N, C-alpha and C. Protein backbone atom coordinates (compact mmCIF):
# COMPACT_ATOMS: atom_id res chain seq x y z
N MET A 1 14.59 -16.31 -48.49
CA MET A 1 14.69 -15.44 -47.34
C MET A 1 16.01 -14.66 -47.36
N VAL A 2 16.00 -13.52 -46.73
CA VAL A 2 17.21 -12.68 -46.70
C VAL A 2 18.37 -13.40 -46.02
N GLN A 3 18.07 -14.27 -45.07
CA GLN A 3 19.12 -14.98 -44.37
C GLN A 3 19.96 -15.84 -45.32
N ASP A 4 19.33 -16.36 -46.35
CA ASP A 4 20.01 -17.22 -47.31
C ASP A 4 21.01 -16.47 -48.19
N TYR A 5 20.86 -15.17 -48.28
CA TYR A 5 21.68 -14.37 -49.19
C TYR A 5 22.55 -13.34 -48.47
N GLY A 6 22.51 -13.30 -47.17
CA GLY A 6 23.32 -12.33 -46.43
C GLY A 6 22.88 -10.90 -46.62
N VAL A 7 21.61 -10.70 -46.88
CA VAL A 7 21.07 -9.36 -47.14
C VAL A 7 20.89 -8.59 -45.83
N ILE A 8 21.17 -7.29 -45.88
CA ILE A 8 20.90 -6.38 -44.76
C ILE A 8 19.78 -5.46 -45.20
N LEU A 9 18.69 -5.46 -44.47
CA LEU A 9 17.57 -4.57 -44.77
C LEU A 9 17.71 -3.29 -43.96
N GLU A 10 17.65 -2.16 -44.61
CA GLU A 10 17.62 -0.88 -43.89
C GLU A 10 16.17 -0.55 -43.64
N ARG A 11 15.82 -0.40 -42.37
CA ARG A 11 14.45 -0.11 -41.99
C ARG A 11 14.41 1.28 -41.37
N CYS A 12 13.79 2.21 -42.07
CA CYS A 12 13.73 3.61 -41.65
C CYS A 12 12.58 3.86 -40.68
N PHE A 13 12.72 4.91 -39.91
CA PHE A 13 11.76 5.31 -38.89
C PHE A 13 10.37 5.58 -39.45
N ALA A 14 10.32 6.30 -40.56
CA ALA A 14 9.01 6.75 -41.08
C ALA A 14 9.07 7.00 -42.57
N GLN A 15 7.88 7.15 -43.15
CA GLN A 15 7.74 7.51 -44.55
C GLN A 15 7.13 8.90 -44.65
N PRO A 16 7.74 9.79 -45.40
CA PRO A 16 7.13 11.11 -45.57
C PRO A 16 5.87 10.98 -46.44
N LEU A 17 4.82 11.65 -46.02
CA LEU A 17 3.56 11.65 -46.76
C LEU A 17 3.30 12.97 -47.46
N GLY A 18 4.15 13.96 -47.20
CA GLY A 18 3.95 15.29 -47.77
C GLY A 18 3.13 16.15 -46.84
N SER A 19 3.09 17.41 -47.12
CA SER A 19 2.34 18.38 -46.32
C SER A 19 2.71 18.34 -44.84
N GLY A 20 3.98 18.02 -44.54
CA GLY A 20 4.45 18.01 -43.16
C GLY A 20 4.02 16.82 -42.34
N LYS A 21 3.53 15.77 -42.98
CA LYS A 21 3.07 14.58 -42.27
C LYS A 21 3.95 13.38 -42.63
N TYR A 22 4.00 12.42 -41.70
CA TYR A 22 4.73 11.19 -41.96
C TYR A 22 3.96 10.01 -41.36
N MET A 23 4.29 8.82 -41.84
CA MET A 23 3.68 7.60 -41.33
C MET A 23 4.77 6.76 -40.67
N SER A 24 4.52 6.32 -39.46
CA SER A 24 5.48 5.51 -38.73
C SER A 24 5.65 4.15 -39.40
N ASN A 25 6.90 3.72 -39.50
CA ASN A 25 7.22 2.38 -39.99
C ASN A 25 7.48 1.41 -38.86
N LEU A 26 7.37 1.85 -37.62
CA LEU A 26 7.80 1.03 -36.49
C LEU A 26 7.10 -0.32 -36.41
N PRO A 27 5.78 -0.42 -36.57
CA PRO A 27 5.16 -1.75 -36.51
C PRO A 27 5.67 -2.69 -37.62
N SER A 28 5.81 -2.20 -38.83
CA SER A 28 6.29 -3.08 -39.91
C SER A 28 7.78 -3.39 -39.73
N ASN A 29 8.54 -2.47 -39.15
CA ASN A 29 9.94 -2.74 -38.86
C ASN A 29 10.08 -3.85 -37.84
N LEU A 30 9.25 -3.83 -36.82
CA LEU A 30 9.26 -4.88 -35.81
C LEU A 30 8.94 -6.24 -36.44
N GLU A 31 7.98 -6.26 -37.34
CA GLU A 31 7.66 -7.49 -38.05
C GLU A 31 8.86 -7.99 -38.86
N ALA A 32 9.55 -7.08 -39.53
CA ALA A 32 10.72 -7.46 -40.32
C ALA A 32 11.82 -8.04 -39.44
N ILE A 33 12.04 -7.44 -38.29
CA ILE A 33 13.06 -7.94 -37.36
C ILE A 33 12.70 -9.36 -36.92
N ARG A 34 11.47 -9.56 -36.58
CA ARG A 34 11.03 -10.89 -36.13
C ARG A 34 11.06 -11.92 -37.27
N ALA A 35 10.74 -11.50 -38.46
CA ALA A 35 10.70 -12.43 -39.59
C ALA A 35 12.10 -12.76 -40.13
N CYS A 36 12.98 -11.76 -40.18
CA CYS A 36 14.29 -11.93 -40.82
C CYS A 36 15.42 -12.16 -39.84
N GLY A 37 15.21 -11.79 -38.59
CA GLY A 37 16.27 -11.86 -37.60
C GLY A 37 17.00 -10.53 -37.49
N TYR A 38 17.33 -10.16 -36.29
CA TYR A 38 17.95 -8.86 -36.06
C TYR A 38 19.28 -8.71 -36.79
N GLN A 39 19.96 -9.83 -37.07
CA GLN A 39 21.25 -9.77 -37.75
C GLN A 39 21.13 -9.22 -39.16
N HIS A 40 19.92 -9.17 -39.69
CA HIS A 40 19.70 -8.75 -41.07
C HIS A 40 18.93 -7.43 -41.20
N VAL A 41 18.77 -6.72 -40.08
CA VAL A 41 17.99 -5.47 -40.11
C VAL A 41 18.82 -4.34 -39.52
N MET A 42 19.08 -3.33 -40.34
CA MET A 42 19.80 -2.14 -39.90
C MET A 42 18.78 -1.05 -39.59
N VAL A 43 18.84 -0.54 -38.39
CA VAL A 43 17.93 0.51 -37.95
C VAL A 43 18.48 1.86 -38.39
N SER A 44 17.64 2.66 -39.03
CA SER A 44 18.03 4.03 -39.38
C SER A 44 16.82 4.94 -39.24
N THR A 45 17.09 6.24 -39.22
CA THR A 45 15.98 7.17 -39.01
C THR A 45 15.50 7.83 -40.29
N ASP A 46 16.37 7.96 -41.26
CA ASP A 46 16.06 8.72 -42.47
C ASP A 46 15.71 10.16 -42.08
N GLY A 47 16.30 10.62 -40.98
CA GLY A 47 16.03 11.96 -40.48
C GLY A 47 16.56 13.03 -41.42
N GLY A 48 16.11 14.21 -41.21
CA GLY A 48 16.51 15.33 -42.03
C GLY A 48 15.43 15.78 -42.98
N GLN A 49 14.42 14.95 -43.15
CA GLN A 49 13.30 15.36 -43.99
C GLN A 49 12.38 16.25 -43.16
N VAL A 50 11.77 17.20 -43.82
CA VAL A 50 10.92 18.16 -43.12
C VAL A 50 9.80 17.45 -42.37
N GLU A 51 9.26 16.39 -42.97
CA GLU A 51 8.12 15.70 -42.37
C GLU A 51 8.48 14.90 -41.13
N ASN A 52 9.72 14.40 -41.06
CA ASN A 52 10.12 13.53 -39.96
C ASN A 52 10.66 14.33 -38.79
N PRO A 53 10.60 13.75 -37.58
CA PRO A 53 11.25 14.39 -36.43
C PRO A 53 12.76 14.45 -36.66
N LEU A 54 13.45 15.25 -35.88
CA LEU A 54 14.91 15.28 -35.93
C LEU A 54 15.43 13.87 -35.69
N TRP A 55 16.57 13.55 -36.28
CA TRP A 55 17.07 12.17 -36.22
C TRP A 55 17.27 11.69 -34.79
N GLU A 56 17.69 12.59 -33.89
CA GLU A 56 17.92 12.19 -32.49
C GLU A 56 16.63 11.72 -31.83
N GLU A 57 15.56 12.47 -32.06
CA GLU A 57 14.25 12.11 -31.50
C GLU A 57 13.71 10.86 -32.16
N ALA A 58 13.87 10.76 -33.47
CA ALA A 58 13.39 9.57 -34.18
C ALA A 58 14.10 8.32 -33.68
N LEU A 59 15.41 8.40 -33.49
CA LEU A 59 16.16 7.23 -33.02
C LEU A 59 15.75 6.87 -31.59
N ARG A 60 15.53 7.86 -30.76
CA ARG A 60 15.08 7.57 -29.38
C ARG A 60 13.74 6.86 -29.40
N GLN A 61 12.80 7.36 -30.20
CA GLN A 61 11.49 6.73 -30.30
C GLN A 61 11.60 5.31 -30.85
N TYR A 62 12.44 5.13 -31.84
CA TYR A 62 12.65 3.83 -32.48
C TYR A 62 13.17 2.82 -31.46
N VAL A 63 14.25 3.18 -30.77
CA VAL A 63 14.86 2.29 -29.78
C VAL A 63 13.89 1.99 -28.66
N ASP A 64 13.18 2.99 -28.17
CA ASP A 64 12.19 2.78 -27.11
C ASP A 64 11.10 1.81 -27.57
N TYR A 65 10.64 1.99 -28.79
CA TYR A 65 9.59 1.13 -29.35
C TYR A 65 10.07 -0.32 -29.41
N LEU A 66 11.27 -0.53 -29.90
CA LEU A 66 11.80 -1.88 -30.00
C LEU A 66 11.93 -2.51 -28.61
N ALA A 67 12.47 -1.76 -27.66
CA ALA A 67 12.64 -2.27 -26.30
C ALA A 67 11.29 -2.60 -25.66
N GLN A 68 10.32 -1.74 -25.84
CA GLN A 68 8.98 -1.96 -25.27
C GLN A 68 8.28 -3.16 -25.90
N ASN A 69 8.75 -3.57 -27.07
CA ASN A 69 8.14 -4.70 -27.76
C ASN A 69 9.02 -5.94 -27.72
N GLY A 70 9.88 -5.99 -26.71
CA GLY A 70 10.59 -7.22 -26.41
C GLY A 70 11.91 -7.47 -27.12
N ILE A 71 12.42 -6.49 -27.84
CA ILE A 71 13.71 -6.68 -28.51
C ILE A 71 14.81 -6.40 -27.47
N PRO A 72 15.68 -7.38 -27.22
CA PRO A 72 16.73 -7.21 -26.21
C PRO A 72 17.72 -6.11 -26.57
N GLU A 73 18.31 -5.51 -25.53
CA GLU A 73 19.24 -4.40 -25.70
C GLU A 73 20.41 -4.77 -26.61
N ASN A 74 20.96 -5.98 -26.47
CA ASN A 74 22.11 -6.36 -27.29
C ASN A 74 21.73 -6.44 -28.77
N GLU A 75 20.49 -6.82 -29.09
CA GLU A 75 20.04 -6.86 -30.47
C GLU A 75 19.83 -5.45 -31.02
N ILE A 76 19.28 -4.58 -30.19
CA ILE A 76 19.11 -3.18 -30.60
C ILE A 76 20.47 -2.55 -30.86
N ARG A 77 21.42 -2.81 -29.99
CA ARG A 77 22.77 -2.27 -30.16
C ARG A 77 23.36 -2.76 -31.49
N TYR A 78 23.17 -4.02 -31.80
CA TYR A 78 23.70 -4.56 -33.05
C TYR A 78 23.06 -3.89 -34.26
N MET A 79 21.74 -3.68 -34.21
CA MET A 79 21.03 -3.07 -35.34
C MET A 79 21.33 -1.59 -35.51
N THR A 80 21.72 -0.92 -34.42
CA THR A 80 21.98 0.52 -34.48
C THR A 80 23.46 0.86 -34.58
N ARG A 81 24.34 -0.11 -34.28
CA ARG A 81 25.78 0.16 -34.30
C ARG A 81 26.59 -0.93 -34.99
N GLY A 82 26.28 -2.17 -34.65
CA GLY A 82 27.10 -3.30 -35.12
C GLY A 82 27.09 -3.47 -36.63
N ILE A 83 25.93 -3.45 -37.23
CA ILE A 83 25.85 -3.61 -38.68
C ILE A 83 26.57 -2.46 -39.39
N GLN A 84 26.35 -1.25 -38.92
CA GLN A 84 26.98 -0.09 -39.53
C GLN A 84 28.50 -0.19 -39.43
N ALA A 85 29.01 -0.59 -38.26
CA ALA A 85 30.45 -0.75 -38.08
C ALA A 85 31.00 -1.82 -39.01
N TRP A 86 30.26 -2.92 -39.15
CA TRP A 86 30.69 -4.00 -40.04
C TRP A 86 30.73 -3.52 -41.49
N LEU A 87 29.69 -2.80 -41.93
CA LEU A 87 29.65 -2.30 -43.30
C LEU A 87 30.80 -1.32 -43.59
N LEU A 88 31.21 -0.57 -42.58
CA LEU A 88 32.30 0.39 -42.74
C LEU A 88 33.66 -0.22 -42.41
N ASP A 89 33.66 -1.51 -42.14
CA ASP A 89 34.89 -2.24 -41.79
C ASP A 89 35.53 -1.65 -40.53
N LEU A 90 34.69 -1.29 -39.57
CA LEU A 90 35.17 -0.73 -38.31
C LEU A 90 35.02 -1.71 -37.16
N ALA A 91 34.38 -2.84 -37.42
CA ALA A 91 34.13 -3.81 -36.37
C ALA A 91 35.43 -4.47 -35.95
N PRO A 92 35.55 -4.75 -34.65
CA PRO A 92 36.78 -5.41 -34.15
C PRO A 92 36.90 -6.83 -34.69
């Protein structure tokens, strides 16, 4: 398991399918969070691709989805800010 190795999984908002279409990763991302623990999942949008929504909208949808599916606010905050700060050595 990732917990045994200190792995951080980056889970992106969507996968580009081409022709201006994308597939949501949100259900599988939720499964990964539940299986691996929020401490091991970094939330990202992979925004900027033509197929995906703008990163701001993608992040809003992502956070809303997690909250609506029972992920507590403090865990969402850690996955969207805490891990990134730790990786950049910015964490207090």
